[in-house]
PDB file of all heavy atoms in Angstrom:
ATOM      1  N   LEU A   1       9.031   0.713  -3.706  1.00  0.00           N
ATOM      2  CA  LEU A   1       7.961   1.629  -3.309  1.00  0.00           C
ATOM      3  C   LEU A   1       8.408   2.612  -2.234  1.00  0.00           C
ATOM      4  O   LEU A   1       7.815   3.683  -2.098  1.00  0.00           O
ATOM      5  CB  LEU A   1       6.677   0.893  -2.927  1.00  0.00           C
ATOM      6  CG  LEU A   1       6.589   0.047  -1.669  1.00  0.00           C
ATOM      7  CD1 LEU A   1       6.481   0.865  -0.408  1.00  0.00           C
ATOM      8  CD2 LEU A   1       5.389  -0.861  -1.780  1.00  0.00           C
ATOM      9  N   LEU A   2       9.464   2.279  -1.495  1.00  0.00           N
ATOM     10  CA  LEU A   2      10.012   3.279  -0.581  1.00  0.00           C
ATOM     11  C   LEU A   2      10.561   4.461  -1.369  1.00  0.00           C
ATOM     12  O   LEU A   2      10.418   5.621  -0.970  1.00  0.00           O
ATOM     13  CB  LEU A   2      11.107   2.682   0.307  1.00  0.00           C
ATOM     14  CG  LEU A   2      10.668   1.702   1.384  1.00  0.00           C
ATOM     15  CD1 LEU A   2      11.882   1.180   2.139  1.00  0.00           C
ATOM     16  CD2 LEU A   2       9.650   2.321   2.340  1.00  0.00           C
ATOM     17  N   ALA A   3      11.201   4.161  -2.499  1.00  0.00           N
ATOM     18  CA  ALA A   3      11.766   5.209  -3.342  1.00  0.00           C
ATOM     19  C   ALA A   3      10.688   5.925  -4.160  1.00  0.00           C
ATOM     20  O   ALA A   3      10.793   7.120  -4.418  1.00  0.00           O
ATOM     21  CB  ALA A   3      12.821   4.610  -4.283  1.00  0.00           C
ATOM     22  N   ASN A   4       9.668   5.182  -4.562  1.00  0.00           N
ATOM     23  CA  ASN A   4       8.592   5.713  -5.415  1.00  0.00           C
ATOM     24  C   ASN A   4       7.255   5.202  -4.883  1.00  0.00           C
ATOM     25  O   ASN A   4       6.768   4.163  -5.332  1.00  0.00           O
ATOM     26  CB  ASN A   4       8.784   5.244  -6.864  1.00  0.00           C
ATOM     27  CG  ASN A   4      10.117   5.668  -7.434  1.00  0.00           C
ATOM     28  OD1 ASN A   4      10.401   6.843  -7.533  1.00  0.00           O
ATOM     29  ND2 ASN A   4      10.953   4.692  -7.791  1.00  0.00           N
ATOM     30  N   PRO A   5       6.634   5.901  -3.913  1.00  0.00           N
ATOM     31  CA  PRO A   5       5.428   5.383  -3.256  1.00  0.00           C
ATOM     32  C   PRO A   5       4.147   5.413  -4.087  1.00  0.00           C
ATOM     33  O   PRO A   5       3.146   4.848  -3.676  1.00  0.00           O
ATOM     34  CB  PRO A   5       5.292   6.258  -2.013  1.00  0.00           C
ATOM     35  CG  PRO A   5       6.078   7.483  -2.279  1.00  0.00           C
ATOM     36  CD  PRO A   5       7.145   7.104  -3.256  1.00  0.00           C
ATOM     37  N   ARG A   6       4.179   6.046  -5.265  1.00  0.00           N
ATOM     38  CA  ARG A   6       3.003   5.994  -6.143  1.00  0.00           C
ATOM     39  C   ARG A   6       3.086   4.699  -6.932  1.00  0.00           C
ATOM     40  O   ARG A   6       4.072   4.462  -7.639  1.00  0.00           O
ATOM     41  CB  ARG A   6       2.991   7.209  -7.067  1.00  0.00           C
ATOM     42  CG  ARG A   6       1.717   7.366  -7.878  1.00  0.00           C
ATOM     43  CD  ARG A   6       0.513   7.616  -6.934  1.00  0.00           C
ATOM     44  NE  ARG A   6      -0.597   8.199  -7.616  1.00  0.00           N
ATOM     45  CZ  ARG A   6      -0.965   9.455  -7.514  1.00  0.00           C
ATOM     46  NH1 ARG A   6      -0.309  10.292  -6.754  1.00  0.00           N
ATOM     47  NH2 ARG A   6      -2.002   9.891  -8.176  1.00  0.00           N
ATOM     48  N   VAL A   7       2.085   3.830  -6.786  1.00  0.00           N
ATOM     49  CA  VAL A   7       2.104   2.498  -7.369  1.00  0.00           C
ATOM     50  C   VAL A   7       0.816   2.262  -8.152  1.00  0.00           C
ATOM     51  O   VAL A   7      -0.121   3.060  -8.085  1.00  0.00           O
ATOM     52  CB  VAL A   7       2.265   1.418  -6.267  1.00  0.00           C
ATOM     53  CG1 VAL A   7       3.596   1.574  -5.535  1.00  0.00           C
ATOM     54  CG2 VAL A   7       1.098   1.449  -5.275  1.00  0.00           C
ATOM     55  N   ILE A   8       0.780   1.164  -8.870  1.00  0.00           N
ATOM     56  CA  ILE A   8      -0.439   0.719  -9.549  1.00  0.00           C
ATOM     57  C   ILE A   8      -0.867  -0.586  -8.902  1.00  0.00           C
ATOM     58  O   ILE A   8      -0.044  -1.486  -8.686  1.00  0.00           O
ATOM     59  CB  ILE A   8      -0.213   0.527 -11.057  1.00  0.00           C
ATOM     60  CG1 ILE A   8       0.181   1.866 -11.692  1.00  0.00           C
ATOM     61  CG2 ILE A   8      -1.471  -0.034 -11.734  1.00  0.00           C
ATOM     62  CD1 ILE A   8       0.646   1.760 -13.128  1.00  0.00           C
ATOM     63  N   VAL A   9      -2.148  -0.678  -8.585  1.00  0.00           N
ATOM     64  CA  VAL A   9      -2.714  -1.864  -7.948  1.00  0.00           C
ATOM     65  C   VAL A   9      -3.778  -2.443  -8.866  1.00  0.00           C
ATOM     66  O   VAL A   9      -4.597  -1.701  -9.421  1.00  0.00           O
ATOM     67  CB  VAL A   9      -3.337  -1.506  -6.570  1.00  0.00           C
ATOM     68  CG1 VAL A   9      -4.001  -2.725  -5.944  1.00  0.00           C
ATOM     69  CG2 VAL A   9      -2.282  -0.921  -5.640  1.00  0.00           C
ATOM     70  N   GLU A  10      -3.763  -3.762  -9.021  1.00  0.00           N
ATOM     71  CA  GLU A  10      -4.806  -4.469  -9.760  1.00  0.00           C
ATOM     72  C   GLU A  10      -5.416  -5.498  -8.814  1.00  0.00           C
ATOM     73  O   GLU A  10      -4.707  -6.347  -8.275  1.00  0.00           O
ATOM     74  CB  GLU A  10      -4.219  -5.165 -10.990  1.00  0.00           C
ATOM     75  CG  GLU A  10      -3.638  -4.185 -12.003  1.00  0.00           C
ATOM     76  CD  GLU A  10      -2.895  -4.871 -13.120  1.00  0.00           C
ATOM     77  OE1 GLU A  10      -3.532  -5.641 -13.879  1.00  0.00           O
ATOM     78  OE2 GLU A  10      -1.672  -4.648 -13.229  1.00  0.00           O
ATOM     79  N   VAL A  11      -6.714  -5.358  -8.589  1.00  0.00           N
ATOM     80  CA  VAL A  11      -7.459  -6.299  -7.746  1.00  0.00           C
ATOM     81  C   VAL A  11      -8.654  -6.751  -8.565  1.00  0.00           C
ATOM     82  O   VAL A  11      -9.486  -5.920  -8.957  1.00  0.00           O
ATOM     83  CB  VAL A  11      -7.939  -5.645  -6.427  1.00  0.00           C
ATOM     84  CG1 VAL A  11      -8.734  -6.636  -5.593  1.00  0.00           C
ATOM     85  CG2 VAL A  11      -6.774  -5.100  -5.631  1.00  0.00           C
ATOM     86  N   GLY A  12      -8.741  -8.059  -8.820  1.00  0.00           N
ATOM     87  CA  GLY A  12      -9.790  -8.526  -9.714  1.00  0.00           C
ATOM     88  C   GLY A  12      -9.659  -7.773 -11.032  1.00  0.00           C
ATOM     89  O   GLY A  12      -8.556  -7.560 -11.525  1.00  0.00           O
ATOM     90  N   PRO A  13     -10.771  -7.293 -11.588  1.00  0.00           N
ATOM     91  CA  PRO A  13     -10.690  -6.544 -12.844  1.00  0.00           C
ATOM     92  C   PRO A  13     -10.380  -5.055 -12.645  1.00  0.00           C
ATOM     93  O   PRO A  13     -10.220  -4.323 -13.614  1.00  0.00           O
ATOM     94  CB  PRO A  13     -12.093  -6.732 -13.445  1.00  0.00           C
ATOM     95  CG  PRO A  13     -12.974  -6.885 -12.248  1.00  0.00           C
ATOM     96  CD  PRO A  13     -12.144  -7.608 -11.216  1.00  0.00           C
ATOM     97  N   ASP A  14     -10.287  -4.602 -11.412  1.00  0.00           N
ATOM     98  CA  ASP A  14     -10.066  -3.190 -11.085  1.00  0.00           C
ATOM     99  C   ASP A  14      -8.578  -2.852 -11.099  1.00  0.00           C
ATOM    100  O   ASP A  14      -7.759  -3.575 -10.530  1.00  0.00           O
ATOM    101  CB  ASP A  14     -10.660  -2.904  -9.694  1.00  0.00           C
ATOM    102  CG  ASP A  14     -10.846  -1.439  -9.406  1.00  0.00           C
ATOM    103  OD1 ASP A  14     -10.831  -0.622 -10.356  1.00  0.00           O
ATOM    104  OD2 ASP A  14     -11.008  -1.101  -8.217  1.00  0.00           O
ATOM    105  N   ARG A  15      -8.229  -1.738 -11.748  1.00  0.00           N
ATOM    106  CA  ARG A  15      -6.833  -1.273 -11.824  1.00  0.00           C
ATOM    107  C   ARG A  15      -6.829   0.204 -11.464  1.00  0.00           C
ATOM    108  O   ARG A  15      -7.601   0.986 -12.033  1.00  0.00           O
ATOM    109  CB  ARG A  15      -6.297  -1.478 -13.235  1.00  0.00           C
ATOM    110  CG  ARG A  15      -4.839  -1.119 -13.436  1.00  0.00           C
ATOM    111  CD  ARG A  15      -4.423  -1.403 -14.890  1.00  0.00           C
ATOM    112  NE  ARG A  15      -3.002  -1.461 -15.043  1.00  0.00           N
ATOM    113  CZ  ARG A  15      -2.221  -0.409 -15.290  1.00  0.00           C
ATOM    114  NH1 ARG A  15      -2.750   0.787 -15.422  1.00  0.00           N
ATOM    115  NH2 ARG A  15      -0.918  -0.562 -15.421  1.00  0.00           N
ATOM    116  N   PHE A  16      -5.958   0.609 -10.521  1.00  0.00           N
ATOM    117  CA  PHE A  16      -5.941   2.003 -10.084  1.00  0.00           C
ATOM    118  C   PHE A  16      -4.575   2.387  -9.532  1.00  0.00           C
ATOM    119  O   PHE A  16      -3.795   1.532  -9.122  1.00  0.00           O
ATOM    120  CB  PHE A  16      -7.016   2.253  -9.018  1.00  0.00           C
ATOM    121  CG  PHE A  16      -6.918   1.357  -7.809  1.00  0.00           C
ATOM    122  CD1 PHE A  16      -6.191   1.743  -6.688  1.00  0.00           C
ATOM    123  CD2 PHE A  16      -7.560   0.122  -7.785  1.00  0.00           C
ATOM    124  CE1 PHE A  16      -6.093   0.923  -5.575  1.00  0.00           C
ATOM    125  CE2 PHE A  16      -7.473  -0.702  -6.672  1.00  0.00           C
ATOM    126  CZ  PHE A  16      -6.746  -0.308  -5.567  1.00  0.00           C
ATOM    127  N   GLU A  17      -4.317   3.700  -9.523  1.00  0.00           N
ATOM    128  CA  GLU A  17      -3.110   4.217  -8.893  1.00  0.00           C
ATOM    129  C   GLU A  17      -3.364   4.313  -7.397  1.00  0.00           C
ATOM    130  O   GLU A  17      -4.492   4.593  -6.959  1.00  0.00           O
ATOM    131  CB  GLU A  17      -2.748   5.595  -9.449  1.00  0.00           C
ATOM    132  CG  GLU A  17      -2.169   5.524 -10.833  1.00  0.00           C
ATOM    133  CD  GLU A  17      -1.576   6.850 -11.277  1.00  0.00           C
ATOM    134  OE1 GLU A  17      -1.529   7.817 -10.488  1.00  0.00           O
ATOM    135  OE2 GLU A  17      -1.143   6.908 -12.437  1.00  0.00           O
ATOM    136  N   ALA A  18      -2.314   4.092  -6.639  1.00  0.00           N
ATOM    137  CA  ALA A  18      -2.433   4.140  -5.181  1.00  0.00           C
ATOM    138  C   ALA A  18      -1.174   4.760  -4.596  1.00  0.00           C
ATOM    139  O   ALA A  18      -0.117   4.787  -5.236  1.00  0.00           O
ATOM    140  CB  ALA A  18      -2.637   2.734  -4.609  1.00  0.00           C
ATOM    141  N   ASN A  19      -1.321   5.247  -3.393  1.00  0.00           N
ATOM    142  CA  ASN A  19      -0.190   5.723  -2.608  1.00  0.00           C
ATOM    143  C   ASN A  19       0.130   4.667  -1.572  1.00  0.00           C
ATOM    144  O   ASN A  19      -0.758   4.219  -0.844  1.00  0.00           O
ATOM    145  CB  ASN A  19      -0.525   7.057  -1.945  1.00  0.00           C
ATOM    146  CG  ASN A  19      -0.745   8.141  -2.973  1.00  0.00           C
ATOM    147  OD1 ASN A  19       0.074   8.330  -3.867  1.00  0.00           O
ATOM    148  ND2 ASN A  19      -1.857   8.843  -2.873  1.00  0.00           N
ATOM    149  N   ALA A  20       1.385   4.282  -1.524  1.00  0.00           N
ATOM    150  CA  ALA A  20       1.832   3.253  -0.580  1.00  0.00           C
ATOM    151  C   ALA A  20       2.455   3.927   0.635  1.00  0.00           C
ATOM    152  O   ALA A  20       3.242   4.866   0.497  1.00  0.00           O
ATOM    153  CB  ALA A  20       2.854   2.342  -1.248  1.00  0.00           C
ATOM    154  N   SER A  21       2.101   3.441   1.815  1.00  0.00           N
ATOM    155  CA  SER A  21       2.724   3.930   3.049  1.00  0.00           C
ATOM    156  C   SER A  21       2.975   2.744   3.964  1.00  0.00           C
ATOM    157  O   SER A  21       2.264   1.740   3.919  1.00  0.00           O
ATOM    158  CB  SER A  21       1.845   4.974   3.739  1.00  0.00           C
ATOM    159  OG  SER A  21       0.598   4.410   4.097  1.00  0.00           O
ATOM    160  N   VAL A  22       3.998   2.863   4.774  1.00  0.00           N
ATOM    161  CA  VAL A  22       4.385   1.772   5.670  1.00  0.00           C
ATOM    162  C   VAL A  22       3.727   2.005   7.031  1.00  0.00           C
ATOM    163  O   VAL A  22       3.885   3.065   7.629  1.00  0.00           O
ATOM    164  CB  VAL A  22       5.918   1.696   5.810  1.00  0.00           C
ATOM    165  CG1 VAL A  22       6.320   0.570   6.741  1.00  0.00           C
ATOM    166  CG2 VAL A  22       6.561   1.515   4.433  1.00  0.00           C
ATOM    167  N   ALA A  23       2.985   1.000   7.487  1.00  0.00           N
ATOM    168  CA  ALA A  23       2.334   1.084   8.801  1.00  0.00           C
ATOM    169  C   ALA A  23       3.393   0.979   9.893  1.00  0.00           C
ATOM    170  O   ALA A  23       4.394   0.271   9.741  1.00  0.00           O
ATOM    171  CB  ALA A  23       1.300  -0.024   8.943  1.00  0.00           C
ATOM    172  N   LYS A  24       3.158   1.656  10.978  1.00  0.00           N
ATOM    173  CA  LYS A  24       4.116   1.689  12.092  1.00  0.00           C
ATOM    174  C   LYS A  24       3.439   1.284  13.403  1.00  0.00           C
ATOM    175  O   LYS A  24       2.228   1.393  13.557  1.00  0.00           O
ATOM    176  CB  LYS A  24       4.692   3.104  12.267  1.00  0.00           C
ATOM    177  CG  LYS A  24       5.410   3.648  11.048  1.00  0.00           C
ATOM    178  CD  LYS A  24       6.711   2.943  10.806  1.00  0.00           C
ATOM    179  CE  LYS A  24       7.456   3.564   9.632  1.00  0.00           C
ATOM    180  NZ  LYS A  24       8.548   2.766   9.177  1.00  0.00           N
ATOM    181  N   GLY A  25       4.252   0.837  14.352  1.00  0.00           N
ATOM    182  CA  GLY A  25       3.815   0.600  15.726  1.00  0.00           C
ATOM    183  C   GLY A  25       2.628  -0.333  15.865  1.00  0.00           C
ATOM    184  O   GLY A  25       2.575  -1.399  15.248  1.00  0.00           O
ATOM    185  N   ALA A  26       1.669   0.086  16.683  1.00  0.00           N
ATOM    186  CA  ALA A  26       0.498  -0.739  16.987  1.00  0.00           C
ATOM    187  C   ALA A  26      -0.341  -1.004  15.735  1.00  0.00           C
ATOM    188  O   ALA A  26      -0.922  -2.091  15.591  1.00  0.00           O
ATOM    189  CB  ALA A  26      -0.348  -0.075  18.072  1.00  0.00           C
ATOM    190  N   GLU A  27      -0.406  -0.031  14.831  1.00  0.00           N
ATOM    191  CA  GLU A  27      -1.169  -0.220  13.600  1.00  0.00           C
ATOM    192  C   GLU A  27      -0.524  -1.303  12.734  1.00  0.00           C
ATOM    193  O   GLU A  27      -1.202  -2.159  12.180  1.00  0.00           O
ATOM    194  CB  GLU A  27      -1.275   1.098  12.830  1.00  0.00           C
ATOM    195  CG  GLU A  27      -1.988   0.981  11.501  1.00  0.00           C
ATOM    196  CD  GLU A  27      -3.487   0.711  11.593  1.00  0.00           C
ATOM    197  OE1 GLU A  27      -4.004   0.425  12.693  1.00  0.00           O
ATOM    198  OE2 GLU A  27      -4.147   0.772  10.550  1.00  0.00           O
ATOM    199  N   ARG A  28       0.794  -1.312  12.635  1.00  0.00           N
ATOM    200  CA  ARG A  28       1.497  -2.352  11.902  1.00  0.00           C
ATOM    201  C   ARG A  28       1.185  -3.721  12.493  1.00  0.00           C
ATOM    202  O   ARG A  28       0.880  -4.670  11.799  1.00  0.00           O
ATOM    203  CB  ARG A  28       3.013  -2.100  11.925  1.00  0.00           C
ATOM    204  CG  ARG A  28       3.796  -3.156  11.168  1.00  0.00           C
ATOM    205  CD  ARG A  28       5.123  -3.467  11.865  1.00  0.00           C
ATOM    206  NE  ARG A  28       5.603  -4.737  11.393  1.00  0.00           N
ATOM    207  CZ  ARG A  28       5.342  -5.909  11.989  1.00  0.00           C
ATOM    208  NH1 ARG A  28       4.636  -5.978  13.091  1.00  0.00           N
ATOM    209  NH2 ARG A  28       5.801  -7.031  11.494  1.00  0.00           N
ATOM    210  N   ARG A  29       1.266  -3.817  13.819  1.00  0.00           N
ATOM    211  CA  ARG A  29       1.014  -5.087  14.491  1.00  0.00           C
ATOM    212  C   ARG A  29      -0.421  -5.563  14.245  1.00  0.00           C
ATOM    213  O   ARG A  29      -0.661  -6.731  13.950  1.00  0.00           O
ATOM    214  CB  ARG A  29       1.269  -4.925  15.996  1.00  0.00           C
ATOM    215  CG  ARG A  29       1.104  -6.191  16.809  1.00  0.00           C
ATOM    216  CD  ARG A  29       2.307  -7.110  16.678  1.00  0.00           C
ATOM    217  NE  ARG A  29       2.048  -8.190  15.743  1.00  0.00           N
ATOM    218  CZ  ARG A  29       2.983  -8.963  15.200  1.00  0.00           C
ATOM    219  NH1 ARG A  29       4.240  -8.790  15.479  1.00  0.00           N
ATOM    220  NH2 ARG A  29       2.675  -9.922  14.364  1.00  0.00           N
ATOM    221  N   ARG A  30      -1.371  -4.652  14.351  1.00  0.00           N
ATOM    222  CA  ARG A  30      -2.786  -5.011  14.152  1.00  0.00           C
ATOM    223  C   ARG A  30      -3.018  -5.542  12.738  1.00  0.00           C
ATOM    224  O   ARG A  30      -3.654  -6.585  12.550  1.00  0.00           O
ATOM    225  CB  ARG A  30      -3.673  -3.790  14.408  1.00  0.00           C
ATOM    226  CG  ARG A  30      -5.165  -4.089  14.274  1.00  0.00           C
ATOM    227  CD  ARG A  30      -6.001  -2.834  14.461  1.00  0.00           C
ATOM    228  NE  ARG A  30      -5.968  -1.955  13.305  1.00  0.00           N
ATOM    229  CZ  ARG A  30      -6.651  -2.157  12.171  1.00  0.00           C
ATOM    230  NH1 ARG A  30      -7.426  -3.217  12.038  1.00  0.00           N
ATOM    231  NH2 ARG A  30      -6.559  -1.296  11.171  1.00  0.00           N
ATOM    232  N   LEU A  31      -2.469  -4.846  11.750  1.00  0.00           N
ATOM    233  CA  LEU A  31      -2.659  -5.277  10.367  1.00  0.00           C
ATOM    234  C   LEU A  31      -1.942  -6.592  10.086  1.00  0.00           C
ATOM    235  O   LEU A  31      -2.484  -7.479   9.417  1.00  0.00           O
ATOM    236  CB  LEU A  31      -2.195  -4.180   9.404  1.00  0.00           C
ATOM    237  CG  LEU A  31      -3.005  -2.884   9.441  1.00  0.00           C
ATOM    238  CD1 LEU A  31      -2.364  -1.829   8.549  1.00  0.00           C
ATOM    239  CD2 LEU A  31      -4.456  -3.115   9.064  1.00  0.00           C
ATOM    240  N   TYR A  32      -0.729  -6.731  10.593  1.00  0.00           N
ATOM    241  CA  TYR A  32       0.005  -7.984  10.393  1.00  0.00           C
ATOM    242  C   TYR A  32      -0.794  -9.150  10.983  1.00  0.00           C
ATOM    243  O   TYR A  32      -0.981 -10.189  10.338  1.00  0.00           O
ATOM    244  CB  TYR A  32       1.396  -7.924  11.032  1.00  0.00           C
ATOM    245  CG  TYR A  32       2.276  -9.068  10.567  1.00  0.00           C
ATOM    246  CD1 TYR A  32       3.184  -8.880   9.540  1.00  0.00           C
ATOM    247  CD2 TYR A  32       2.164 -10.342  11.124  1.00  0.00           C
ATOM    248  CE1 TYR A  32       3.975  -9.936   9.083  1.00  0.00           C
ATOM    249  CE2 TYR A  32       2.945 -11.396  10.676  1.00  0.00           C
ATOM    250  CZ  TYR A  32       3.839 -11.193   9.656  1.00  0.00           C
ATOM    251  OH  TYR A  32       4.600 -12.236   9.197  1.00  0.00           O
TER     252      TYR A  32
END
């Protein structure tokens, strides 16, 4: 996904295209 950040996500019965981005700094820590 670093090379190709456009991904497909399936959650439950829902399927959609998504953009992947890497969280940084304080936001990364909060989410982790």
